[in-house]
Amino acid sequence: MKCLVFGTTGQLGIELAQRSPAGVELVALGRDVADLTDPAAIADAIARTDADVIMNAAAYTAVDRAESDEATAMAVNGAAPTAMARAAAARGLPFLHVSTDYVFDGTGSAPWPVDAPTGPLGAYGRSKLAGEQGIAAAGGQYAILRTSWVFSAHGNNFVKTMLRLGTERETLTIVGDQVGGPTAAADIADALYTMAAAFHRGTGRSGVYHFSGAPDVSWADFAREIFRQAGLAPAVTDIGTADYPTPARRPGNSRLDCRETQAVFGISRPDWRISLQAVLAELKA
């Protein structure tokens, strides 16, 4: 199986390159080859490929910056994946895309099912939802994999920020009323390869799927586990979202109902605490 992947430098793109299974040939395109703000270039790359599956691991992920730069976020997260999906559909190739819990309004406390009504709180969520809608309307085989709270040994993420702050400060205040499932980029990569193989065999089913680490926790409790595993001991005090204002509103409930992913592809929710151990070991090495 040959996979064409858009994105090489982000957390997921790096993990896809590092975790390519035996029997899978990976061709990864960076910004130098496929400019995500140029739909024509994206379509041309897919038109010329001999890949069996197309994956999109690239995204505009600066949630706060998107509030003042929605046009760029919409181009990268909305127009680009739509162009990819249309080009893939024209070739009869399955298209796999990663989305986010930010397409929901974050209310309540129950895990969001895949068919729950969407209601983004800000520009980032709106741009990701636009991408989802464009993919679904493209008419080809597709899987949209919504995930949450991505972390890895690469790039900027909550784990690396906590490790830095945990060595600099004795006390920390961290939001305790936002709850979700931390998800290792490595686990997302593995899930995508499993889904790609299913589509390649002809057993994949188009639709929207959810995938996040278990168990669901607050950011404050996520931080406590990071510190515990890393051997750091800052005192963590829970604060409310209102006490930590940001340009973009964050969803209070990022829990995702992942049962459909298990039923269709046999992919279970990974224990993020085990994945965290691997990330910390990689950072230490």
C-alpha atoms as a PDB file:
ATOM      1  CA  MET A   1       0.000   0.000   0.000  1.00  0.00           C
ATOM      2  CA  LYS A   2       1.294   3.427  -0.934  1.00  0.00           C
ATOM      3  CA  CYS A   3       0.170   6.472   1.039  1.00  0.00           C
ATOM      4  CA  LEU A   4       0.474  10.086  -0.064  1.00  0.00           C
ATOM      5  CA  VAL A   5       0.580  12.336   3.000  1.00  0.00           C
ATOM      6  CA  PHE A   6       0.249  16.101   3.128  1.00  0.00           C
ATOM      7  CA  GLY A   7       2.273  17.465   6.047  1.00  0.00           C
ATOM      8  CA  THR A   8       5.799  16.668   7.193  1.00  0.00           C
ATOM      9  CA  THR A   9       6.719  18.974  10.073  1.00  0.00           C
ATOM     10  CA  GLY A  10       3.717  18.811  12.401  1.00  0.00           C
ATOM     11  CA  GLN A  11       3.300  16.395  15.288  1.00  0.00           C
ATOM     12  CA  LEU A  12       1.212  13.970  13.235  1.00  0.00           C
ATOM     13  CA  GLY A  13       3.264  14.225  10.052  1.00  0.00           C
ATOM     14  CA  ILE A  14       6.425  13.331  11.955  1.00  0.00           C
ATOM     15  CA  GLU A  15       4.774  10.347  13.631  1.00  0.00           C
ATOM     16  CA  LEU A  16       3.347   9.074  10.334  1.00  0.00           C
ATOM     17  CA  ALA A  17       6.863   9.105   8.898  1.00  0.00           C
ATOM     18  CA  GLN A  18       8.354   7.386  11.937  1.00  0.00           C
ATOM     19  CA  ARG A  19       5.647   4.740  12.340  1.00  0.00           C
ATOM     20  CA  SER A  20       5.052   3.612   8.765  1.00  0.00           C
ATOM     21  CA  PRO A  21       4.214  -0.127   9.025  1.00  0.00           C
ATOM     22  CA  ALA A  22       5.910  -2.877   7.053  1.00  0.00           C
ATOM     23  CA  GLY A  23       4.470  -3.056   3.574  1.00  0.00           C
ATOM     24  CA  VAL A  24       3.526   0.624   3.506  1.00  0.00           C
ATOM     25  CA  GLU A  25       5.342   3.085   1.257  1.00  0.00           C
ATOM     26  CA  LEU A  26       4.984   6.654   2.447  1.00  0.00           C
ATOM     27  CA  VAL A  27       5.356   9.727   0.248  1.00  0.00           C
ATOM     28  CA  ALA A  28       5.133  12.893   2.354  1.00  0.00           C
ATOM     29  CA  LEU A  29       4.674  16.333   0.812  1.00  0.00           C
ATOM     30  CA  GLY A  30       5.744  19.462   2.656  1.00  0.00           C
ATOM     31  CA  ARG A  31       4.908  23.113   2.023  1.00  0.00           C
ATOM     32  CA  ASP A  32       7.746  23.367  -0.499  1.00  0.00           C
ATOM     33  CA  VAL A  33       5.933  20.899  -2.784  1.00  0.00           C
ATOM     34  CA  ALA A  34       2.274  21.388  -1.888  1.00  0.00           C
ATOM     35  CA  ASP A  35       1.302  24.870  -0.712  1.00  0.00           C
ATOM     36  CA  LEU A  36      -1.865  24.432   1.335  1.00  0.00           C
ATOM     37  CA  THR A  37      -3.050  27.882   0.334  1.00  0.00           C
ATOM     38  CA  ASP A  38      -2.962  26.827  -3.351  1.00  0.00           C
ATOM     39  CA  PRO A  39      -5.800  24.364  -4.083  1.00  0.00           C
ATOM     40  CA  ALA A  40      -4.639  23.929  -7.697  1.00  0.00           C
ATOM     41  CA  ALA A  41      -1.202  22.732  -6.582  1.00  0.00           C
ATOM     42  CA  ILE A  42      -2.812  20.306  -4.152  1.00  0.00           C
ATOM     43  CA  ALA A  43      -5.111  18.880  -6.810  1.00  0.00           C
ATOM     44  CA  ASP A  44      -2.204  18.521  -9.232  1.00  0.00           C
ATOM     45  CA  ALA A  45      -0.173  16.539  -6.703  1.00  0.00           C
ATOM     46  CA  ILE A  46      -3.023  14.079  -6.240  1.00  0.00           C
ATOM     47  CA  ALA A  47      -3.736  13.913  -9.970  1.00  0.00           C
ATOM     48  CA  ARG A  48      -0.133  12.816 -10.587  1.00  0.00           C
ATOM     49  CA  THR A  49       0.282  10.368  -7.693  1.00  0.00           C
ATOM     50  CA  ASP A  50       0.336   6.592  -7.936  1.00  0.00           C
ATOM     51  CA  ALA A  51      -0.616   6.263  -4.268  1.00  0.00           C
ATOM     52  CA  ASP A  52      -3.452   4.034  -3.071  1.00  0.00           C
ATOM     53  CA  VAL A  53      -4.587   6.274  -0.184  1.00  0.00           C
ATOM     54  CA  ILE A  54      -4.400  10.032   0.456  1.00  0.00           C
ATOM     55  CA  MET A  55      -3.945  11.369   4.008  1.00  0.00           C
ATOM     56  CA  ASN A  56      -3.969  14.935   5.287  1.00  0.00           C
ATOM     57  CA  ALA A  57      -1.781  15.483   8.347  1.00  0.00           C
ATOM     58  CA  ALA A  58      -1.377  19.227   7.749  1.00  0.00           C
ATOM     59  CA  ALA A  59      -3.437  21.900   9.463  1.00  0.00           C
ATOM     60  CA  TYR A  60      -3.522  25.439  10.809  1.00  0.00           C
ATOM     61  CA  THR A  61      -3.516  24.705  14.547  1.00  0.00           C
ATOM     62  CA  ALA A  62      -2.823  28.127  16.106  1.00  0.00           C
ATOM     63  CA  VAL A  63      -6.203  28.350  17.815  1.00  0.00           C
ATOM     64  CA  ASP A  64      -5.783  31.838  19.282  1.00  0.00           C
ATOM     65  CA  ARG A  65      -4.072  33.322  16.227  1.00  0.00           C
ATOM     66  CA  ALA A  66      -6.947  32.092  14.057  1.00  0.00           C
ATOM     67  CA  GLU A  67      -9.220  34.637  15.726  1.00  0.00           C
ATOM     68  CA  SER A  68      -7.314  37.431  13.958  1.00  0.00           C
ATOM     69  CA  ASP A  69      -6.275  35.395  10.909  1.00  0.00           C
ATOM     70  CA  GLU A  70      -9.393  33.456  10.019  1.00  0.00           C
ATOM     71  CA  ALA A  71      -8.782  33.795   6.277  1.00  0.00           C
ATOM     72  CA  THR A  72      -5.562  31.788   6.482  1.00  0.00           C
ATOM     73  CA  ALA A  73      -7.088  29.243   8.845  1.00  0.00           C
ATOM     74  CA  MET A  74     -10.020  28.817   6.467  1.00  0.00           C
ATOM     75  CA  ALA A  75      -7.687  28.378   3.491  1.00  0.00           C
ATOM     76  CA  VAL A  76      -5.571  25.712   5.183  1.00  0.00           C
ATOM     77  CA  ASN A  77      -8.259  23.929   7.196  1.00  0.00           C
ATOM     78  CA  GLY A  78     -11.229  24.445   4.898  1.00  0.00           C
ATOM     79  CA  ALA A  79     -10.291  24.974   1.246  1.00  0.00           C
ATOM     80  CA  ALA A  80      -7.190  22.754   1.207  1.00  0.00           C
ATOM     81  CA  PRO A  81      -8.783  19.517   2.478  1.00  0.00           C
ATOM     82  CA  THR A  82     -11.800  20.180   0.279  1.00  0.00           C
ATOM     83  CA  ALA A  83      -9.475  20.373  -2.744  1.00  0.00           C
ATOM     84  CA  MET A  84      -7.709  17.203  -1.608  1.00  0.00           C
ATOM     85  CA  ALA A  85     -10.984  15.322  -1.230  1.00  0.00           C
ATOM     86  CA  ARG A  86     -12.262  16.423  -4.629  1.00  0.00           C
ATOM     87  CA  ALA A  87      -9.014  15.422  -6.341  1.00  0.00           C
ATOM     88  CA  ALA A  88      -8.980  12.083  -4.506  1.00  0.00           C
ATOM     89  CA  ALA A  89     -12.604  11.446  -5.474  1.00  0.00           C
ATOM     90  CA  ALA A  90     -11.791  12.147  -9.122  1.00  0.00           C
ATOM     91  CA  ARG A  91      -9.118   9.448  -8.940  1.00  0.00           C
ATOM     92  CA  GLY A  92     -11.249   7.014  -6.947  1.00  0.00           C
ATOM     93  CA  LEU A  93      -8.803   7.175  -4.027  1.00  0.00           C
ATOM     94  CA  PRO A  94      -9.841   7.094  -0.344  1.00  0.00           C
ATOM     95  CA  PHE A  95      -9.063  10.273   1.594  1.00  0.00           C
ATOM     96  CA  LEU A  96      -8.304  10.330   5.339  1.00  0.00           C
ATOM     97  CA  HIS A  97      -8.385  13.606   7.232  1.00  0.00           C
ATOM     98  CA  VAL A  98      -7.886  14.622  10.873  1.00  0.00           C
ATOM     99  CA  SER A  99     -10.304  17.047  12.508  1.00  0.00           C
ATOM    100  CA  THR A 100     -11.023  18.234  16.029  1.00  0.00           C
ATOM    101  CA  ASP A 101     -13.406  18.398  18.958  1.00  0.00           C
ATOM    102  CA  TYR A 102     -13.487  22.182  18.378  1.00  0.00           C
ATOM    103  CA  VAL A 103     -16.280  21.662  15.839  1.00  0.00           C
ATOM    104  CA  PHE A 104     -18.577  21.286  18.892  1.00  0.00           C
ATOM    105  CA  ASP A 105     -19.677  24.003  21.309  1.00  0.00           C
ATOM    106  CA  GLY A 106     -18.207  22.197  24.320  1.00  0.00           C
ATOM    107  CA  THR A 107     -21.347  22.186  26.453  1.00  0.00           C
ATOM    108  CA  GLY A 108     -22.579  19.390  28.702  1.00  0.00           C
ATOM    109  CA  SER A 109     -20.610  16.495  30.118  1.00  0.00           C
ATOM    110  CA  ALA A 110     -21.512  13.534  27.882  1.00  0.00           C
ATOM    111  CA  PRO A 111     -19.070  12.338  25.201  1.00  0.00           C
ATOM    112  CA  TRP A 112     -19.913  13.798  21.787  1.00  0.00           C
ATOM    113  CA  PRO A 113     -21.275  11.180  19.356  1.00  0.00           C
ATOM    114  CA  VAL A 114     -20.143  11.437  15.745  1.00  0.00           C
ATOM    115  CA  ASP A 115     -23.556  12.697  14.615  1.00  0.00           C
ATOM    116  CA  ALA A 116     -23.979  15.340  17.339  1.00  0.00           C
ATOM    117  CA  PRO A 117     -24.888  18.845  16.117  1.00  0.00           C
ATOM    118  CA  THR A 118     -21.823  20.989  15.538  1.00  0.00           C
ATOM    119  CA  GLY A 119     -21.408  24.524  16.822  1.00  0.00           C
ATOM    120  CA  PRO A 120     -17.851  25.899  16.773  1.00  0.00           C
ATOM    121  CA  LEU A 121     -17.010  28.568  19.322  1.00  0.00           C
ATOM    122  CA  GLY A 122     -14.357  30.312  17.233  1.00  0.00           C
ATOM    123  CA  ALA A 123     -12.462  30.708  13.973  1.00  0.00           C
ATOM    124  CA  TYR A 124     -10.359  27.570  14.308  1.00  0.00           C
ATOM    125  CA  GLY A 125     -13.399  25.376  14.848  1.00  0.00           C
ATOM    126  CA  ARG A 126     -15.252  27.055  11.988  1.00  0.00           C
ATOM    127  CA  SER A 127     -12.330  26.426   9.638  1.00  0.00           C
ATOM    128  CA  LYS A 128     -12.089  22.765  10.601  1.00  0.00           C
ATOM    129  CA  LEU A 129     -15.839  22.306  10.200  1.00  0.00           C
ATOM    130  CA  ALA A 130     -15.649  23.879   6.723  1.00  0.00           C
ATOM    131  CA  GLY A 131     -13.049  21.264   5.825  1.00  0.00           C
ATOM    132  CA  GLU A 132     -15.274  18.463   7.088  1.00  0.00           C
ATOM    133  CA  GLN A 133     -18.216  19.725   5.074  1.00  0.00           C
ATOM    134  CA  GLY A 134     -16.145  20.069   1.915  1.00  0.00           C
ATOM    135  CA  ILE A 135     -14.783  16.549   2.262  1.00  0.00           C
ATOM    136  CA  ALA A 136     -18.211  15.017   2.795  1.00  0.00           C
ATOM    137  CA  ALA A 137     -19.564  16.868  -0.248  1.00  0.00           C
ATOM    138  CA  ALA A 138     -16.684  15.805  -2.525  1.00  0.00           C
ATOM    139  CA  GLY A 139     -18.379  12.517  -3.347  1.00  0.00           C
ATOM    140  CA  GLY A 140     -15.478  10.134  -2.788  1.00  0.00           C
ATOM    141  CA  GLN A 141     -14.453   7.606  -0.150  1.00  0.00           C
ATOM    142  CA  TYR A 142     -13.387   9.410   3.008  1.00  0.00           C
ATOM    143  CA  ALA A 143     -12.841   9.167   6.734  1.00  0.00           C
ATOM    144  CA  ILE A 144     -12.758  12.227   8.970  1.00  0.00           C
ATOM    145  CA  LEU A 145     -11.069  11.409  12.282  1.00  0.00           C
ATOM    146  CA  ARG A 146     -11.843  13.923  15.019  1.00  0.00           C
ATOM    147  CA  THR A 147      -9.404  13.924  17.894  1.00  0.00           C
ATOM    148  CA  SER A 148      -8.421  16.071  20.876  1.00  0.00           C
ATOM    149  CA  TRP A 149      -5.552  17.360  23.015  1.00  0.00           C
ATOM    150  CA  VAL A 150      -2.725  16.081  20.792  1.00  0.00           C
ATOM    151  CA  PHE A 151       0.720  15.626  22.321  1.00  0.00           C
ATOM    152  CA  SER A 152       4.086  14.180  21.280  1.00  0.00           C
ATOM    153  CA  ALA A 153       7.816  14.707  21.674  1.00  0.00           C
ATOM    154  CA  HIS A 154       7.725  17.102  18.723  1.00  0.00           C
ATOM    155  CA  GLY A 155       6.538  20.660  18.197  1.00  0.00           C
ATOM    156  CA  ASN A 156       4.629  22.724  20.733  1.00  0.00           C
ATOM    157  CA  ASN A 157       2.102  20.995  22.967  1.00  0.00           C
ATOM    158  CA  PHE A 158       0.799  20.852  26.525  1.00  0.00           C
ATOM    159  CA  VAL A 159       3.159  18.096  27.673  1.00  0.00           C
ATOM    160  CA  LYS A 160       6.279  19.984  26.635  1.00  0.00           C
ATOM    161  CA  THR A 161       4.956  23.222  28.117  1.00  0.00           C
ATOM    162  CA  MET A 162       4.243  21.517  31.459  1.00  0.00           C
ATOM    163  CA  LEU A 163       7.701  19.944  31.540  1.00  0.00           C
ATOM    164  CA  ARG A 164       9.251  23.373  31.086  1.00  0.00           C
ATOM    165  CA  LEU A 165       7.038  25.090  33.654  1.00  0.00           C
ATOM    166  CA  GLY A 166       7.412  22.197  36.075  1.00  0.00           C
ATOM    167  CA  THR A 167      11.147  22.811  36.260  1.00  0.00           C
ATOM    168  CA  GLU A 168      10.800  26.584  36.536  1.00  0.00           C
ATOM    169  CA  ARG A 169       8.031  27.008  39.109  1.00  0.00           C
ATOM    170  CA  GLU A 170       7.002  25.580  42.451  1.00  0.00           C
ATOM    171  CA  THR A 171       3.306  26.343  41.985  1.00  0.00           C
ATOM    172  CA  LEU A 172       1.066  26.342  38.919  1.00  0.00           C
ATOM    173  CA  THR A 173      -2.559  27.263  38.287  1.00  0.00           C
ATOM    174  CA  ILE A 174      -4.140  25.154  35.537  1.00  0.00           C
ATOM    175  CA  VAL A 175      -7.648  25.028  34.132  1.00  0.00           C
ATOM    176  CA  GLY A 176      -9.683  22.317  35.823  1.00  0.00           C
ATOM    177  CA  ASP A 177     -13.135  22.729  34.247  1.00  0.00           C
ATOM    178  CA  GLN A 178     -12.241  21.685  30.691  1.00  0.00           C
ATOM    179  CA  VAL A 179     -12.336  17.905  30.240  1.00  0.00           C
ATOM    180  CA  GLY A 180     -11.180  15.756  27.325  1.00  0.00           C
ATOM    181  CA  GLY A 181      -9.055  12.864  26.190  1.00  0.00           C
ATOM    182  CA  PRO A 182      -5.335  13.565  25.714  1.00  0.00           C
ATOM    183  CA  THR A 183      -4.203  11.829  22.516  1.00  0.00           C
ATOM    184  CA  ALA A 184      -0.669  10.938  21.469  1.00  0.00           C
ATOM    185  CA  ALA A 185       0.162  11.795  17.862  1.00  0.00           C
ATOM    186  CA  ALA A 186       1.749   8.345  17.596  1.00  0.00           C
ATOM    187  CA  ASP A 187      -1.590   6.731  18.424  1.00  0.00           C
ATOM    188  CA  ILE A 188      -3.352   8.869  15.820  1.00  0.00           C
ATOM    189  CA  ALA A 189      -0.775   7.793  13.234  1.00  0.00           C
ATOM    190  CA  ASP A 190      -1.353   4.129  14.064  1.00  0.00           C
ATOM    191  CA  ALA A 191      -5.112   4.619  13.815  1.00  0.00           C
ATOM    192  CA  LEU A 192      -4.790   6.267  10.403  1.00  0.00           C
ATOM    193  CA  TYR A 193      -2.665   3.415   9.075  1.00  0.00           C
ATOM    194  CA  THR A 194      -5.251   0.904  10.314  1.00  0.00           C
ATOM    195  CA  MET A 195      -8.024   2.859   8.615  1.00  0.00           C
ATOM    196  CA  ALA A 196      -6.012   3.259   5.404  1.00  0.00           C
ATOM    197  CA  ALA A 197      -5.423  -0.498   5.263  1.00  0.00           C
ATOM    198  CA  ALA A 198      -9.152  -1.104   5.665  1.00  0.00           C
ATOM    199  CA  PHE A 199      -9.998   1.197   2.760  1.00  0.00           C
ATOM    200  CA  HIS A 200      -7.245  -0.417   0.668  1.00  0.00           C
ATOM    201  CA  ARG A 201      -8.836  -3.830   1.331  1.00  0.00           C
ATOM    202  CA  GLY A 202     -12.246  -2.464   0.454  1.00  0.00           C
ATOM    203  CA  THR A 203     -13.632  -2.781   3.997  1.00  0.00           C
ATOM    204  CA  GLY A 204     -13.461   0.886   4.996  1.00  0.00           C
ATOM    205  CA  ARG A 205     -16.669   2.839   5.459  1.00  0.00           C
ATOM    206  CA  SER A 206     -16.903   6.534   4.656  1.00  0.00           C
ATOM    207  CA  GLY A 207     -17.942   8.830   7.467  1.00  0.00           C
ATOM    208  CA  VAL A 208     -16.930  10.778  10.544  1.00  0.00           C
ATOM    209  CA  TYR A 209     -15.129   9.010  13.389  1.00  0.00           C
ATOM    210  CA  HIS A 210     -13.849   9.941  16.831  1.00  0.00           C
ATOM    211  CA  PHE A 211     -10.550   8.960  18.406  1.00  0.00           C
ATOM    212  CA  SER A 212      -9.078  10.151  21.695  1.00  0.00           C
ATOM    213  CA  GLY A 213      -7.030   8.817  24.565  1.00  0.00           C
ATOM    214  CA  ALA A 214      -8.601   7.410  27.717  1.00  0.00           C
ATOM    215  CA  PRO A 215      -9.482   8.174  30.436  1.00  0.00           C
ATOM    216  CA  ASP A 216     -10.972  11.640  30.042  1.00  0.00           C
ATOM    217  CA  VAL A 217      -9.386  14.164  32.404  1.00  0.00           C
ATOM    218  CA  SER A 218      -9.130  17.871  33.069  1.00  0.00           C
ATOM    219  CA  TRP A 219      -6.092  19.852  31.978  1.00  0.00           C
ATOM    220  CA  ALA A 220      -5.109  20.146  35.639  1.00  0.00           C
ATOM    221  CA  ASP A 221      -5.222  16.383  36.177  1.00  0.00           C
ATOM    222  CA  PHE A 222      -3.375  15.824  32.889  1.00  0.00           C
ATOM    223  CA  ALA A 223      -0.642  18.117  34.223  1.00  0.00           C
ATOM    224  CA  ARG A 224      -0.479  16.241  37.526  1.00  0.00           C
ATOM    225  CA  GLU A 225       0.118  12.964  35.692  1.00  0.00           C
ATOM    226  CA  ILE A 226       2.814  14.561  33.533  1.00  0.00           C
ATOM    227  CA  PHE A 227       4.585  15.783  36.650  1.00  0.00           C
ATOM    228  CA  ARG A 228       4.189  12.427  38.400  1.00  0.00           C
ATOM    229  CA  GLN A 229       5.722  10.503  35.520  1.00  0.00           C
ATOM    230  CA  ALA A 230       8.477  13.080  34.977  1.00  0.00           C
ATOM    231  CA  GLY A 231       9.442  13.166  38.653  1.00  0.00           C
ATOM    232  CA  LEU A 232       8.531  16.830  39.066  1.00  0.00           C
ATOM    233  CA  ALA A 233       6.676  18.217  42.065  1.00  0.00           C
ATOM    234  CA  PRO A 234       5.091  21.638  41.488  1.00  0.00           C
ATOM    235  CA  ALA A 235       1.861  22.243  43.385  1.00  0.00           C
ATOM    236  CA  VAL A 236      -1.084  22.391  40.966  1.00  0.00           C
ATOM    237  CA  THR A 237      -4.156  24.478  41.767  1.00  0.00           C
ATOM    238  CA  ASP A 238      -7.291  24.130  39.636  1.00  0.00           C
ATOM    239  CA  ILE A 239      -8.753  27.311  38.190  1.00  0.00           C
ATOM    240  CA  GLY A 240     -11.802  27.967  36.041  1.00  0.00           C
ATOM    241  CA  THR A 241     -11.784  28.817  32.362  1.00  0.00           C
ATOM    242  CA  ALA A 242     -12.957  32.324  33.246  1.00  0.00           C
ATOM    243  CA  ASP A 243      -9.766  32.812  35.271  1.00  0.00           C
ATOM    244  CA  TYR A 244      -7.567  32.085  32.252  1.00  0.00           C
ATOM    245  CA  PRO A 245      -8.899  34.219  29.381  1.00  0.00           C
ATOM    246  CA  THR A 246      -7.629  33.531  25.849  1.00  0.00           C
ATOM    247  CA  PRO A 247      -8.456  35.131  22.475  1.00  0.00           C
ATOM    248  CA  ALA A 248     -10.291  31.969  21.417  1.00  0.00           C
ATOM    249  CA  ARG A 249     -12.957  30.359  23.592  1.00  0.00           C
ATOM    250  CA  ARG A 250     -12.119  26.783  24.602  1.00  0.00           C
ATOM    251  CA  PRO A 251     -14.742  24.020  24.779  1.00  0.00           C
ATOM    252  CA  GLY A 252     -15.479  22.900  28.307  1.00  0.00           C
ATOM    253  CA  ASN A 253     -16.445  19.408  27.189  1.00  0.00           C
ATOM    254  CA  SER A 254     -14.040  17.775  24.735  1.00  0.00           C
ATOM    255  CA  ARG A 255     -15.069  14.197  25.514  1.00  0.00           C
ATOM    256  CA  LEU A 256     -15.498  12.132  22.328  1.00  0.00           C
ATOM    257  CA  ASP A 257     -17.643   9.033  21.890  1.00  0.00           C
ATOM    258  CA  CYS A 258     -15.269   6.697  20.035  1.00  0.00           C
ATOM    259  CA  ARG A 259     -17.485   3.613  19.765  1.00  0.00           C
ATOM    260  CA  GLU A 260     -18.036   3.964  16.010  1.00  0.00           C
ATOM    261  CA  THR A 261     -14.284   3.822  15.372  1.00  0.00           C
ATOM    262  CA  GLN A 262     -14.081   0.631  17.399  1.00  0.00           C
ATOM    263  CA  ALA A 263     -17.080  -0.910  15.626  1.00  0.00           C
ATOM    264  CA  VAL A 264     -15.960  -0.166  12.061  1.00  0.00           C
ATOM    265  CA  PHE A 265     -12.178  -0.370  12.266  1.00  0.00           C
ATOM    266  CA  GLY A 266     -11.514  -2.292  15.491  1.00  0.00           C
ATOM    267  CA  ILE A 267      -9.567   0.645  16.921  1.00  0.00           C
ATOM    268  CA  SER A 268      -9.820   1.050  20.700  1.00  0.00           C
ATOM    269  CA  ARG A 269      -9.141   4.166  22.718  1.00  0.00           C
ATOM    270  CA  PRO A 270      -5.485   4.065  23.835  1.00  0.00           C
ATOM    271  CA  ASP A 271      -4.465   4.720  27.431  1.00  0.00           C
ATOM    272  CA  TRP A 272      -2.802   8.133  27.147  1.00  0.00           C
ATOM    273  CA  ARG A 273      -0.867   7.517  30.367  1.00  0.00           C
ATOM    274  CA  ILE A 274       1.029   4.694  28.659  1.00  0.00           C
ATOM    275  CA  SER A 275       1.565   6.832  25.564  1.00  0.00           C
ATOM    276  CA  LEU A 276       2.827   9.619  27.811  1.00  0.00           C
ATOM    277  CA  GLN A 277       5.486   7.277  29.169  1.00  0.00           C
ATOM    278  CA  ALA A 278       6.740   6.716  25.620  1.00  0.00           C
ATOM    279  CA  VAL A 279       6.807  10.448  24.877  1.00  0.00           C
ATOM    280  CA  LEU A 280       8.732  11.227  28.053  1.00  0.00           C
ATOM    281  CA  ALA A 281      11.221   8.458  27.258  1.00  0.00           C
ATOM    282  CA  GLU A 282      11.702   9.870  23.765  1.00  0.00           C
ATOM    283  CA  LEU A 283      12.270  13.354  25.129  1.00  0.00           C
ATOM    284  CA  LYS A 284      14.743  12.043  27.674  1.00  0.00           C
ATOM    285  CA  ALA A 285      16.643  10.114  24.996  1.00  0.00           C
END
